[in-house]
Amino acid sequence: MKPSALREMTRDELIQKLSEIREAQFNLTFQHATGQLDNTAQLPKNRKDMARILTILSEMDGKA
């Protein structure tokens, strides 16, 4: 996701999105370990999305 799109979301929406991405990351990691994952590029993409969301959440905490 683009950071500009994430910055438009509310704190609750960001937390929900982070939860969804973490669950997807777990499933992708499990598939990768069992050799069933076809698109391995999704793993780093999810990690970067999680980092973006966590960064924006920490920025929100600093401004409050």
PDB file of N, CA and C in Angstrom:
ATOM      1  N   MET A   1       0.835  -1.190   0.000  1.00  0.00           N
ATOM      2  CA  MET A   1       0.000   0.000   0.000  1.00  0.00           C
ATOM      3  C   MET A   1       0.869   1.240   0.000  1.00  0.00           C
ATOM      4  N   LYS A   2       0.324   2.277  -0.563  1.00  0.00           N
ATOM      5  CA  LYS A   2       1.049   3.539  -0.585  1.00  0.00           C
ATOM      6  C   LYS A   2       0.898   4.254   0.758  1.00  0.00           C
ATOM      7  N   PRO A   3       1.964   4.910   1.202  1.00  0.00           N
ATOM      8  CA  PRO A   3       1.880   5.630   2.478  1.00  0.00           C
ATOM      9  C   PRO A   3       0.808   6.712   2.481  1.00  0.00           C
ATOM     10  N   SER A   4       0.581   7.349   1.354  1.00  0.00           N
ATOM     11  CA  SER A   4      -0.441   8.399   1.315  1.00  0.00           C
ATOM     12  C   SER A   4      -1.829   7.820   1.585  1.00  0.00           C
ATOM     13  N   ALA A   5      -2.085   6.623   1.075  1.00  0.00           N
ATOM     14  CA  ALA A   5      -3.376   5.981   1.331  1.00  0.00           C
ATOM     15  C   ALA A   5      -3.494   5.574   2.798  1.00  0.00           C
ATOM     16  N   LEU A   6      -2.388   5.142   3.378  1.00  0.00           N
ATOM     17  CA  LEU A   6      -2.414   4.743   4.784  1.00  0.00           C
ATOM     18  C   LEU A   6      -2.619   5.938   5.697  1.00  0.00           C
ATOM     19  N   ARG A   7      -2.036   7.082   5.352  1.00  0.00           N
ATOM     20  CA  ARG A   7      -2.151   8.273   6.196  1.00  0.00           C
ATOM     21  C   ARG A   7      -3.588   8.801   6.237  1.00  0.00           C
ATOM     22  N   GLU A   8      -4.396   8.473   5.245  1.00  0.00           N
ATOM     23  CA  GLU A   8      -5.787   8.907   5.217  1.00  0.00           C
ATOM     24  C   GLU A   8      -6.681   8.042   6.106  1.00  0.00           C
ATOM     25  N   MET A   9      -6.179   6.898   6.542  1.00  0.00           N
ATOM     26  CA  MET A   9      -6.965   5.984   7.358  1.00  0.00           C
ATOM     27  C   MET A   9      -6.949   6.437   8.823  1.00  0.00           C
ATOM     28  N   THR A  10      -7.982   6.032   9.540  1.00  0.00           N
ATOM     29  CA  THR A  10      -8.022   6.316  10.970  1.00  0.00           C
ATOM     30  C   THR A  10      -7.139   5.309  11.707  1.00  0.00           C
ATOM     31  N   ARG A  11      -6.902   5.598  12.978  1.00  0.00           N
ATOM     32  CA  ARG A  11      -6.059   4.711  13.795  1.00  0.00           C
ATOM     33  C   ARG A  11      -6.655   3.306  13.869  1.00  0.00           C
ATOM     34  N   ASP A  12      -7.963   3.204  14.065  1.00  0.00           N
ATOM     35  CA  ASP A  12      -8.617   1.897  14.158  1.00  0.00           C
ATOM     36  C   ASP A  12      -8.513   1.126  12.845  1.00  0.00           C
ATOM     37  N   GLU A  13      -8.668   1.833  11.733  1.00  0.00           N
ATOM     38  CA  GLU A  13      -8.538   1.186  10.427  1.00  0.00           C
ATOM     39  C   GLU A  13      -7.117   0.667  10.208  1.00  0.00           C
ATOM     40  N   LEU A  14      -6.129   1.443  10.641  1.00  0.00           N
ATOM     41  CA  LEU A  14      -4.738   1.015  10.506  1.00  0.00           C
ATOM     42  C   LEU A  14      -4.456  -0.223  11.343  1.00  0.00           C
ATOM     43  N   ILE A  15      -4.981  -0.253  12.543  1.00  0.00           N
ATOM     44  CA  ILE A  15      -4.786  -1.415  13.413  1.00  0.00           C
ATOM     45  C   ILE A  15      -5.443  -2.650  12.811  1.00  0.00           C
ATOM     46  N   GLN A  16      -6.626  -2.472  12.239  1.00  0.00           N
ATOM     47  CA  GLN A  16      -7.323  -3.584  11.579  1.00  0.00           C
ATOM     48  C   GLN A  16      -6.530  -4.079  10.377  1.00  0.00           C
ATOM     49  N   LYS A  17      -6.019  -3.150   9.578  1.00  0.00           N
ATOM     50  CA  LYS A  17      -5.232  -3.502   8.394  1.00  0.00           C
ATOM     51  C   LYS A  17      -3.953  -4.233   8.801  1.00  0.00           C
ATOM     52  N   LEU A  18      -3.313  -3.771   9.869  1.00  0.00           N
ATOM     53  CA  LEU A  18      -2.102  -4.411  10.366  1.00  0.00           C
ATOM     54  C   LEU A  18      -2.396  -5.850  10.786  1.00  0.00           C
ATOM     55  N   SER A  19      -3.512  -6.047  11.444  1.00  0.00           N
ATOM     56  CA  SER A  19      -3.905  -7.391  11.864  1.00  0.00           C
ATOM     57  C   SER A  19      -4.110  -8.305  10.656  1.00  0.00           C
ATOM     58  N   GLU A  20      -4.766  -7.786   9.621  1.00  0.00           N
ATOM     59  CA  GLU A  20      -5.004  -8.567   8.404  1.00  0.00           C
ATOM     60  C   GLU A  20      -3.684  -8.943   7.724  1.00  0.00           C
ATOM     61  N   ILE A  21      -2.768  -7.991   7.654  1.00  0.00           N
ATOM     62  CA  ILE A  21      -1.493  -8.245   6.994  1.00  0.00           C
ATOM     63  C   ILE A  21      -0.662  -9.238   7.792  1.00  0.00           C
ATOM     64  N   ARG A  22      -0.692  -9.139   9.119  1.00  0.00           N
ATOM     65  CA  ARG A  22       0.048 -10.093   9.950  1.00  0.00           C
ATOM     66  C   ARG A  22      -0.483 -11.514   9.764  1.00  0.00           C
ATOM     67  N   GLU A  23      -1.799 -11.640   9.670  1.00  0.00           N
ATOM     68  CA  GLU A  23      -2.391 -12.960   9.451  1.00  0.00           C
ATOM     69  C   GLU A  23      -1.990 -13.497   8.079  1.00  0.00           C
ATOM     70  N   ALA A  24      -2.022 -12.639   7.067  1.00  0.00           N
ATOM     71  CA  ALA A  24      -1.625 -13.052   5.726  1.00  0.00           C
ATOM     72  C   ALA A  24      -0.146 -13.441   5.702  1.00  0.00           C
ATOM     73  N   GLN A  25       0.681 -12.687   6.426  1.00  0.00           N
ATOM     74  CA  GLN A  25       2.118 -12.989   6.480  1.00  0.00           C
ATOM     75  C   GLN A  25       2.354 -14.357   7.118  1.00  0.00           C
ATOM     76  N   PHE A  26       1.618 -14.656   8.168  1.00  0.00           N
ATOM     77  CA  PHE A  26       1.743 -15.966   8.811  1.00  0.00           C
ATOM     78  C   PHE A  26       1.403 -17.078   7.822  1.00  0.00           C
ATOM     79  N   ASN A  27       0.296 -16.909   7.104  1.00  0.00           N
ATOM     80  CA  ASN A  27      -0.121 -17.921   6.131  1.00  0.00           C
ATOM     81  C   ASN A  27       0.897 -18.071   5.008  1.00  0.00           C
ATOM     82  N   LEU A  28       1.442 -16.956   4.526  1.00  0.00           N
ATOM     83  CA  LEU A  28       2.438 -17.011   3.457  1.00  0.00           C
ATOM     84  C   LEU A  28       3.711 -17.707   3.930  1.00  0.00           C
ATOM     85  N   THR A  29       4.125 -17.405   5.154  1.00  0.00           N
ATOM     86  CA  THR A  29       5.322 -18.038   5.709  1.00  0.00           C
ATOM     87  C   THR A  29       5.115 -19.548   5.836  1.00  0.00           C
ATOM     88  N   PHE A  30       3.937 -19.930   6.268  1.00  0.00           N
ATOM     89  CA  PHE A  30       3.618 -21.352   6.395  1.00  0.00           C
ATOM     90  C   PHE A  30       3.631 -22.028   5.027  1.00  0.00           C
ATOM     91  N   GLN A  31       3.035 -21.392   4.031  1.00  0.00           N
ATOM     92  CA  GLN A  31       3.033 -21.944   2.672  1.00  0.00           C
ATOM     93  C   GLN A  31       4.445 -22.042   2.121  1.00  0.00           C
ATOM     94  N   HIS A  32       5.264 -21.042   2.398  1.00  0.00           N
ATOM     95  CA  HIS A  32       6.644 -21.045   1.915  1.00  0.00           C
ATOM     96  C   HIS A  32       7.433 -22.200   2.539  1.00  0.00           C
ATOM     97  N   ALA A  33       7.197 -22.438   3.819  1.00  0.00           N
ATOM     98  CA  ALA A  33       7.905 -23.503   4.517  1.00  0.00           C
ATOM     99  C   ALA A  33       7.520 -24.880   3.995  1.00  0.00           C
ATOM    100  N   THR A  34       6.274 -25.018   3.556  1.00  0.00           N
ATOM    101  CA  THR A  34       5.814 -26.314   3.050  1.00  0.00           C
ATOM    102  C   THR A  34       5.988 -26.445   1.547  1.00  0.00           C
ATOM    103  N   GLY A  35       6.515 -25.415   0.906  1.00  0.00           N
ATOM    104  CA  GLY A  35       6.781 -25.486  -0.532  1.00  0.00           C
ATOM    105  C   GLY A  35       5.574 -25.242  -1.410  1.00  0.00           C
ATOM    106  N   GLN A  36       4.526 -24.666  -0.863  1.00  0.00           N
ATOM    107  CA  GLN A  36       3.308 -24.436  -1.630  1.00  0.00           C
ATOM    108  C   GLN A  36       3.170 -23.008  -2.148  1.00  0.00           C
ATOM    109  N   LEU A  37       4.099 -22.126  -1.787  1.00  0.00           N
ATOM    110  CA  LEU A  37       3.988 -20.720  -2.159  1.00  0.00           C
ATOM    111  C   LEU A  37       4.541 -20.497  -3.559  1.00  0.00           C
ATOM    112  N   ASP A  38       3.719 -19.914  -4.434  1.00  0.00           N
ATOM    113  CA  ASP A  38       4.146 -19.638  -5.802  1.00  0.00           C
ATOM    114  C   ASP A  38       4.762 -18.245  -5.920  1.00  0.00           C
ATOM    115  N   ASN A  39       4.163 -17.255  -5.284  1.00  0.00           N
ATOM    116  CA  ASN A  39       4.615 -15.874  -5.404  1.00  0.00           C
ATOM    117  C   ASN A  39       5.398 -15.482  -4.154  1.00  0.00           C
ATOM    118  N   THR A  40       6.702 -15.715  -4.185  1.00  0.00           N
ATOM    119  CA  THR A  40       7.524 -15.423  -3.013  1.00  0.00           C
ATOM    120  C   THR A  40       7.750 -13.928  -2.832  1.00  0.00           C
ATOM    121  N   ALA A  41       7.456 -13.118  -3.832  1.00  0.00           N
ATOM    122  CA  ALA A  41       7.625 -11.663  -3.723  1.00  0.00           C
ATOM    123  C   ALA A  41       6.624 -11.057  -2.741  1.00  0.00           C
ATOM    124  N   GLN A  42       5.591 -11.792  -2.412  1.00  0.00           N
ATOM    125  CA  GLN A  42       4.574 -11.286  -1.484  1.00  0.00           C
ATOM    126  C   GLN A  42       5.111 -11.195  -0.058  1.00  0.00           C
ATOM    127  N   LEU A  43       6.084 -12.025   0.295  1.00  0.00           N
ATOM    128  CA  LEU A  43       6.639 -12.016   1.649  1.00  0.00           C
ATOM    129  C   LEU A  43       7.272 -10.671   1.999  1.00  0.00           C
ATOM    130  N   PRO A  44       8.236 -10.161   1.240  1.00  0.00           N
ATOM    131  CA  PRO A  44       8.810  -8.859   1.599  1.00  0.00           C
ATOM    132  C   PRO A  44       7.823  -7.704   1.438  1.00  0.00           C
ATOM    133  N   LYS A  45       6.874  -7.838   0.519  1.00  0.00           N
ATOM    134  CA  LYS A  45       5.879  -6.786   0.337  1.00  0.00           C
ATOM    135  C   LYS A  45       5.042  -6.627   1.604  1.00  0.00           C
ATOM    136  N   ASN A  46       4.639  -7.749   2.185  1.00  0.00           N
ATOM    137  CA  ASN A  46       3.853  -7.693   3.429  1.00  0.00           C
ATOM    138  C   ASN A  46       4.671  -7.121   4.576  1.00  0.00           C
ATOM    139  N   ARG A  47       5.940  -7.508   4.659  1.00  0.00           N
ATOM    140  CA  ARG A  47       6.788  -6.970   5.733  1.00  0.00           C
ATOM    141  C   ARG A  47       6.918  -5.454   5.608  1.00  0.00           C
ATOM    142  N   LYS A  48       7.080  -4.967   4.386  1.00  0.00           N
ATOM    143  CA  LYS A  48       7.200  -3.516   4.179  1.00  0.00           C
ATOM    144  C   LYS A  48       5.892  -2.805   4.508  1.00  0.00           C
ATOM    145  N   ASP A  49       4.766  -3.413   4.144  1.00  0.00           N
ATOM    146  CA  ASP A  49       3.469  -2.818   4.479  1.00  0.00           C
ATOM    147  C   ASP A  49       3.273  -2.746   5.992  1.00  0.00           C
ATOM    148  N   MET A  50       3.686  -3.805   6.704  1.00  0.00           N
ATOM    149  CA  MET A  50       3.576  -3.779   8.165  1.00  0.00           C
ATOM    150  C   MET A  50       4.444  -2.665   8.743  1.00  0.00           C
ATOM    151  N   ALA A  51       5.643  -2.509   8.223  1.00  0.00           N
ATOM    152  CA  ALA A  51       6.547  -1.462   8.713  1.00  0.00           C
ATOM    153  C   ALA A  51       5.968  -0.080   8.438  1.00  0.00           C
ATOM    154  N   ARG A  52       5.363   0.104   7.268  1.00  0.00           N
ATOM    155  CA  ARG A  52       4.750   1.394   6.951  1.00  0.00           C
ATOM    156  C   ARG A  52       3.632   1.724   7.934  1.00  0.00           C
ATOM    157  N   ILE A  53       2.785   0.747   8.191  1.00  0.00           N
ATOM    158  CA  ILE A  53       1.662   0.973   9.105  1.00  0.00           C
ATOM    159  C   ILE A  53       2.173   1.279  10.514  1.00  0.00           C
ATOM    160  N   LEU A  54       3.158   0.524  10.973  1.00  0.00           N
ATOM    161  CA  LEU A  54       3.700   0.763  12.310  1.00  0.00           C
ATOM    162  C   LEU A  54       4.349   2.138  12.402  1.00  0.00           C
ATOM    163  N   THR A  55       5.008   2.571  11.339  1.00  0.00           N
ATOM    164  CA  THR A  55       5.624   3.896  11.318  1.00  0.00           C
ATOM    165  C   THR A  55       4.559   4.981  11.414  1.00  0.00           C
ATOM    166  N   ILE A  56       3.506   4.847  10.651  1.00  0.00           N
ATOM    167  CA  ILE A  56       2.438   5.847  10.659  1.00  0.00           C
ATOM    168  C   ILE A  56       1.740   5.864  12.018  1.00  0.00           C
ATOM    169  N   LEU A  57       1.544   4.686  12.616  1.00  0.00           N
ATOM    170  CA  LEU A  57       0.935   4.648  13.949  1.00  0.00           C
ATOM    171  C   LEU A  57       1.822   5.326  14.977  1.00  0.00           C
ATOM    172  N   SER A  58       3.123   5.150  14.875  1.00  0.00           N
ATOM    173  CA  SER A  58       4.012   5.808  15.843  1.00  0.00           C
ATOM    174  C   SER A  58       4.051   7.313  15.602  1.00  0.00           C
ATOM    175  N   GLU A  59       3.922   7.740  14.349  1.00  0.00           N
ATOM    176  CA  GLU A  59       3.832   9.170  14.060  1.00  0.00           C
ATOM    177  C   GLU A  59       2.569   9.765  14.669  1.00  0.00           C
ATOM    178  N   MET A  60       1.461   9.023  14.601  1.00  0.00           N
ATOM    179  CA  MET A  60       0.204   9.483  15.186  1.00  0.00           C
ATOM    180  C   MET A  60       0.338   9.630  16.701  1.00  0.00           C
ATOM    181  N   ASP A  61       1.029   8.697  17.320  1.00  0.00           N
ATOM    182  CA  ASP A  61       1.218   8.746  18.772  1.00  0.00           C
ATOM    183  C   ASP A  61       2.075   9.943  19.161  1.00  0.00           C
ATOM    184  N   GLY A  62       3.048  10.284  18.327  1.00  0.00           N
ATOM    185  CA  GLY A  62       3.922  11.407  18.627  1.00  0.00           C
ATOM    186  C   GLY A  62       3.240  12.741  18.492  1.00  0.00           C
ATOM    187  N   LYS A  63       2.276  12.852  17.593  1.00  0.00           N
ATOM    188  CA  LYS A  63       1.569  14.113  17.364  1.00  0.00           C
ATOM    189  C   LYS A  63       0.503  14.379  18.409  1.00  0.00           C
ATOM    190  N   ALA A  64      -0.001  13.317  19.019  1.00  0.00           N
ATOM    191  CA  ALA A  64      -1.132  13.464  19.955  1.00  0.00           C
ATOM    192  C   ALA A  64      -0.756  14.088  21.249  1.00  0.00           C
TER     193      ALA A  64
END
